[in-house]
Amino acid sequence: MKVQVLGPGCPKCRKTKKILQETADDMGRQIDLEHVTDVTEISRQGVFMTPAVIIDGEKVLEGRVPSSDQVKEWLAE
């Protein structure tokens, strides 16, 4: 499962990345976690507010930090 966090590296982006990795670890799920900081790539993905989360090419969140419960739902699918 490819998971991307899109954002410039702000505290909210780092927190999003941490929540994703910790939740995946707790669930025993293997994820390929990537942090995209390039503004051109972020805008190419159609993201206007960061942080954003893209899972296997589908944007699932934009403009806020996810809860661990949300991440569990995404990773369970």
N, C-alpha and C. Protein backbone atom coordinates (compact mmCIF):
# COMPACT_ATOMS: atom_id res chain seq x y z
N MET A 1 0.85 -1.18 0.00
CA MET A 1 0.00 0.00 0.00
C MET A 1 0.90 1.24 0.00
N LYS A 2 0.71 2.09 -1.00
CA LYS A 2 1.50 3.32 -1.10
C LYS A 2 0.73 4.46 -0.46
N VAL A 3 1.36 5.09 0.53
CA VAL A 3 0.74 6.19 1.26
C VAL A 3 1.65 7.41 1.12
N GLN A 4 1.06 8.52 0.69
CA GLN A 4 1.81 9.76 0.53
C GLN A 4 1.23 10.84 1.43
N VAL A 5 2.13 11.55 2.10
CA VAL A 5 1.77 12.76 2.83
C VAL A 5 2.29 13.91 1.99
N LEU A 6 1.41 14.81 1.62
CA LEU A 6 1.80 15.95 0.81
C LEU A 6 1.77 17.20 1.65
N GLY A 7 2.90 17.91 1.68
CA GLY A 7 3.01 19.14 2.44
C GLY A 7 4.45 19.56 2.55
N PRO A 8 4.67 20.82 2.94
CA PRO A 8 6.02 21.39 2.93
C PRO A 8 6.93 20.90 4.05
N GLY A 9 6.41 20.15 4.99
CA GLY A 9 7.24 19.70 6.12
C GLY A 9 6.92 20.44 7.40
N CYS A 10 5.77 21.06 7.44
CA CYS A 10 5.33 21.80 8.63
C CYS A 10 5.01 20.83 9.77
N PRO A 11 4.81 21.32 10.98
CA PRO A 11 4.48 20.44 12.11
C PRO A 11 3.25 19.55 11.85
N LYS A 12 2.23 20.08 11.18
CA LYS A 12 1.03 19.27 10.90
C LYS A 12 1.36 18.13 9.94
N CYS A 13 2.23 18.40 8.98
CA CYS A 13 2.64 17.35 8.03
C CYS A 13 3.42 16.26 8.76
N ARG A 14 4.33 16.67 9.61
CA ARG A 14 5.13 15.69 10.37
C ARG A 14 4.24 14.87 11.30
N LYS A 15 3.26 15.52 11.93
CA LYS A 15 2.34 14.80 12.81
C LYS A 15 1.50 13.80 12.01
N THR A 16 1.04 14.20 10.83
CA THR A 16 0.27 13.30 9.96
C THR A 16 1.09 12.08 9.60
N LYS A 17 2.33 12.29 9.22
CA LYS A 17 3.22 11.18 8.86
C LYS A 17 3.42 10.24 10.05
N LYS A 18 3.61 10.82 11.23
CA LYS A 18 3.82 10.02 12.44
C LYS A 18 2.58 9.17 12.77
N ILE A 19 1.39 9.79 12.69
CA ILE A 19 0.15 9.06 12.97
C ILE A 19 -0.04 7.91 11.99
N LEU A 20 0.23 8.17 10.71
CA LEU A 20 0.10 7.12 9.69
C LEU A 20 1.02 5.94 10.00
N GLN A 21 2.29 6.23 10.29
CA GLN A 21 3.24 5.15 10.52
C GLN A 21 2.93 4.40 11.80
N GLU A 22 2.63 5.12 12.88
CA GLU A 22 2.34 4.46 14.16
C GLU A 22 1.09 3.60 14.07
N THR A 23 0.06 4.09 13.41
CA THR A 23 -1.18 3.32 13.27
C THR A 23 -0.95 2.08 12.42
N ALA A 24 -0.21 2.23 11.34
CA ALA A 24 0.10 1.06 10.50
C ALA A 24 0.89 0.03 11.30
N ASP A 25 1.86 0.48 12.06
CA ASP A 25 2.65 -0.43 12.90
C ASP A 25 1.78 -1.15 13.91
N ASP A 26 0.88 -0.40 14.56
CA ASP A 26 -0.03 -0.99 15.56
C ASP A 26 -0.93 -2.04 14.94
N MET A 27 -1.32 -1.83 13.69
CA MET A 27 -2.20 -2.77 12.99
C MET A 27 -1.43 -3.92 12.34
N GLY A 28 -0.11 -3.82 12.33
CA GLY A 28 0.69 -4.83 11.66
C GLY A 28 0.62 -4.73 10.16
N ARG A 29 0.30 -3.54 9.64
CA ARG A 29 0.18 -3.32 8.20
C ARG A 29 1.48 -2.75 7.66
N GLN A 30 1.89 -3.24 6.53
CA GLN A 30 3.07 -2.74 5.84
C GLN A 30 2.64 -1.64 4.89
N ILE A 31 3.22 -0.45 5.03
CA ILE A 31 2.91 0.64 4.11
C ILE A 31 4.22 1.22 3.56
N ASP A 32 4.12 1.72 2.35
CA ASP A 32 5.23 2.44 1.72
C ASP A 32 4.92 3.92 1.90
N LEU A 33 5.49 4.54 2.95
CA LEU A 33 5.16 5.91 3.32
C LEU A 33 6.15 6.89 2.70
N GLU A 34 5.61 7.85 1.98
CA GLU A 34 6.43 8.85 1.29
C GLU A 34 5.93 10.24 1.68
N HIS A 35 6.87 11.15 1.92
CA HIS A 35 6.50 12.54 2.20
C HIS A 35 6.88 13.38 0.98
N VAL A 36 5.89 13.94 0.32
CA VAL A 36 6.10 14.76 -0.88
C VAL A 36 6.11 16.22 -0.46
N THR A 37 7.25 16.89 -0.68
CA THR A 37 7.37 18.29 -0.29
C THR A 37 7.47 19.24 -1.48
N ASP A 38 7.63 18.70 -2.67
CA ASP A 38 7.76 19.52 -3.87
C ASP A 38 6.43 20.18 -4.21
N VAL A 39 6.43 21.52 -4.23
CA VAL A 39 5.20 22.28 -4.45
C VAL A 39 4.57 21.97 -5.81
N THR A 40 5.39 21.78 -6.83
CA THR A 40 4.86 21.46 -8.15
C THR A 40 4.13 20.13 -8.13
N GLU A 41 4.73 19.13 -7.48
CA GLU A 41 4.09 17.81 -7.39
C GLU A 41 2.81 17.88 -6.56
N ILE A 42 2.84 18.64 -5.48
CA ILE A 42 1.66 18.79 -4.63
C ILE A 42 0.50 19.38 -5.44
N SER A 43 0.77 20.44 -6.18
CA SER A 43 -0.30 21.06 -6.98
C SER A 43 -0.73 20.16 -8.13
N ARG A 44 0.19 19.38 -8.69
CA ARG A 44 -0.16 18.44 -9.76
C ARG A 44 -1.15 17.38 -9.26
N GLN A 45 -1.06 17.06 -7.97
CA GLN A 45 -1.96 16.08 -7.38
C GLN A 45 -3.33 16.70 -7.05
N GLY A 46 -3.50 17.99 -7.30
CA GLY A 46 -4.78 18.64 -7.03
C GLY A 46 -4.98 19.02 -5.58
N VAL A 47 -3.88 19.20 -4.85
CA VAL A 47 -3.96 19.54 -3.43
C VAL A 47 -3.77 21.05 -3.28
N PHE A 48 -4.70 21.68 -2.56
CA PHE A 48 -4.63 23.12 -2.34
C PHE A 48 -4.39 23.46 -0.88
N MET A 49 -4.66 22.52 0.01
CA MET A 49 -4.43 22.72 1.44
C MET A 49 -3.65 21.52 1.97
N THR A 50 -2.65 21.80 2.79
CA THR A 50 -1.85 20.72 3.36
C THR A 50 -2.08 20.67 4.87
N PRO A 51 -1.82 19.54 5.48
CA PRO A 51 -1.35 18.30 4.87
C PRO A 51 -2.47 17.59 4.11
N ALA A 52 -2.04 16.77 3.17
CA ALA A 52 -2.98 15.92 2.43
C ALA A 52 -2.44 14.49 2.47
N VAL A 53 -3.35 13.54 2.39
CA VAL A 53 -2.97 12.13 2.38
C VAL A 53 -3.54 11.48 1.13
N ILE A 54 -2.67 10.78 0.41
CA ILE A 54 -3.07 10.04 -0.78
C ILE A 54 -2.71 8.58 -0.57
N ILE A 55 -3.69 7.70 -0.74
CA ILE A 55 -3.46 6.27 -0.58
C ILE A 55 -3.73 5.59 -1.91
N ASP A 56 -2.71 4.93 -2.41
CA ASP A 56 -2.80 4.23 -3.71
C ASP A 56 -3.42 5.12 -4.79
N GLY A 57 -2.98 6.39 -4.83
CA GLY A 57 -3.41 7.31 -5.87
C GLY A 57 -4.71 8.04 -5.61
N GLU A 58 -5.38 7.76 -4.49
CA GLU A 58 -6.66 8.41 -4.17
C GLU A 58 -6.50 9.35 -2.98
N LYS A 59 -6.89 10.61 -3.18
CA LYS A 59 -6.81 11.58 -2.09
C LYS A 59 -7.90 11.27 -1.07
N VAL A 60 -7.49 11.03 0.19
CA VAL A 60 -8.45 10.69 1.23
C VAL A 60 -8.59 11.79 2.28
N LEU A 61 -7.67 12.75 2.26
CA LEU A 61 -7.71 13.82 3.26
C LEU A 61 -6.96 15.03 2.74
N GLU A 62 -7.47 16.22 3.08
CA GLU A 62 -6.78 17.45 2.68
C GLU A 62 -7.07 18.54 3.71
N GLY A 63 -6.01 19.21 4.14
CA GLY A 63 -6.15 20.39 4.97
C GLY A 63 -6.22 20.19 6.46
N ARG A 64 -6.00 18.97 6.93
CA ARG A 64 -6.01 18.75 8.39
C ARG A 64 -5.27 17.45 8.73
N VAL A 65 -5.01 17.29 10.01
CA VAL A 65 -4.35 16.09 10.51
C VAL A 65 -5.40 15.01 10.77
N PRO A 66 -5.18 13.79 10.29
CA PRO A 66 -6.18 12.74 10.52
C PRO A 66 -6.11 12.19 11.94
N SER A 67 -7.21 11.62 12.38
CA SER A 67 -7.20 10.91 13.66
C SER A 67 -6.71 9.49 13.40
N SER A 68 -6.26 8.83 14.44
CA SER A 68 -5.81 7.44 14.26
C SER A 68 -6.97 6.54 13.86
N ASP A 69 -8.19 6.86 14.29
CA ASP A 69 -9.36 6.08 13.89
C ASP A 69 -9.61 6.18 12.38
N GLN A 70 -9.44 7.39 11.84
CA GLN A 70 -9.58 7.55 10.39
C GLN A 70 -8.54 6.72 9.65
N VAL A 71 -7.31 6.77 10.13
CA VAL A 71 -6.23 6.02 9.49
C VAL A 71 -6.52 4.53 9.55
N LYS A 72 -7.05 4.05 10.66
CA LYS A 72 -7.40 2.63 10.78
C LYS A 72 -8.43 2.25 9.71
N GLU A 73 -9.41 3.10 9.49
CA GLU A 73 -10.42 2.82 8.46
C GLU A 73 -9.78 2.74 7.08
N TRP A 74 -8.89 3.68 6.77
CA TRP A 74 -8.24 3.68 5.47
C TRP A 74 -7.39 2.44 5.26
N LEU A 75 -6.65 2.06 6.29
CA LEU A 75 -5.72 0.94 6.16
C LEU A 75 -6.43 -0.41 6.20
N ALA A 76 -7.65 -0.43 6.76
CA ALA A 76 -8.40 -1.70 6.84
C ALA A 76 -9.02 -2.06 5.50
N GLU A 77 -9.20 -1.09 4.62
CA GLU A 77 -9.86 -1.33 3.33
C GLU A 77 -8.96 -2.06 2.37
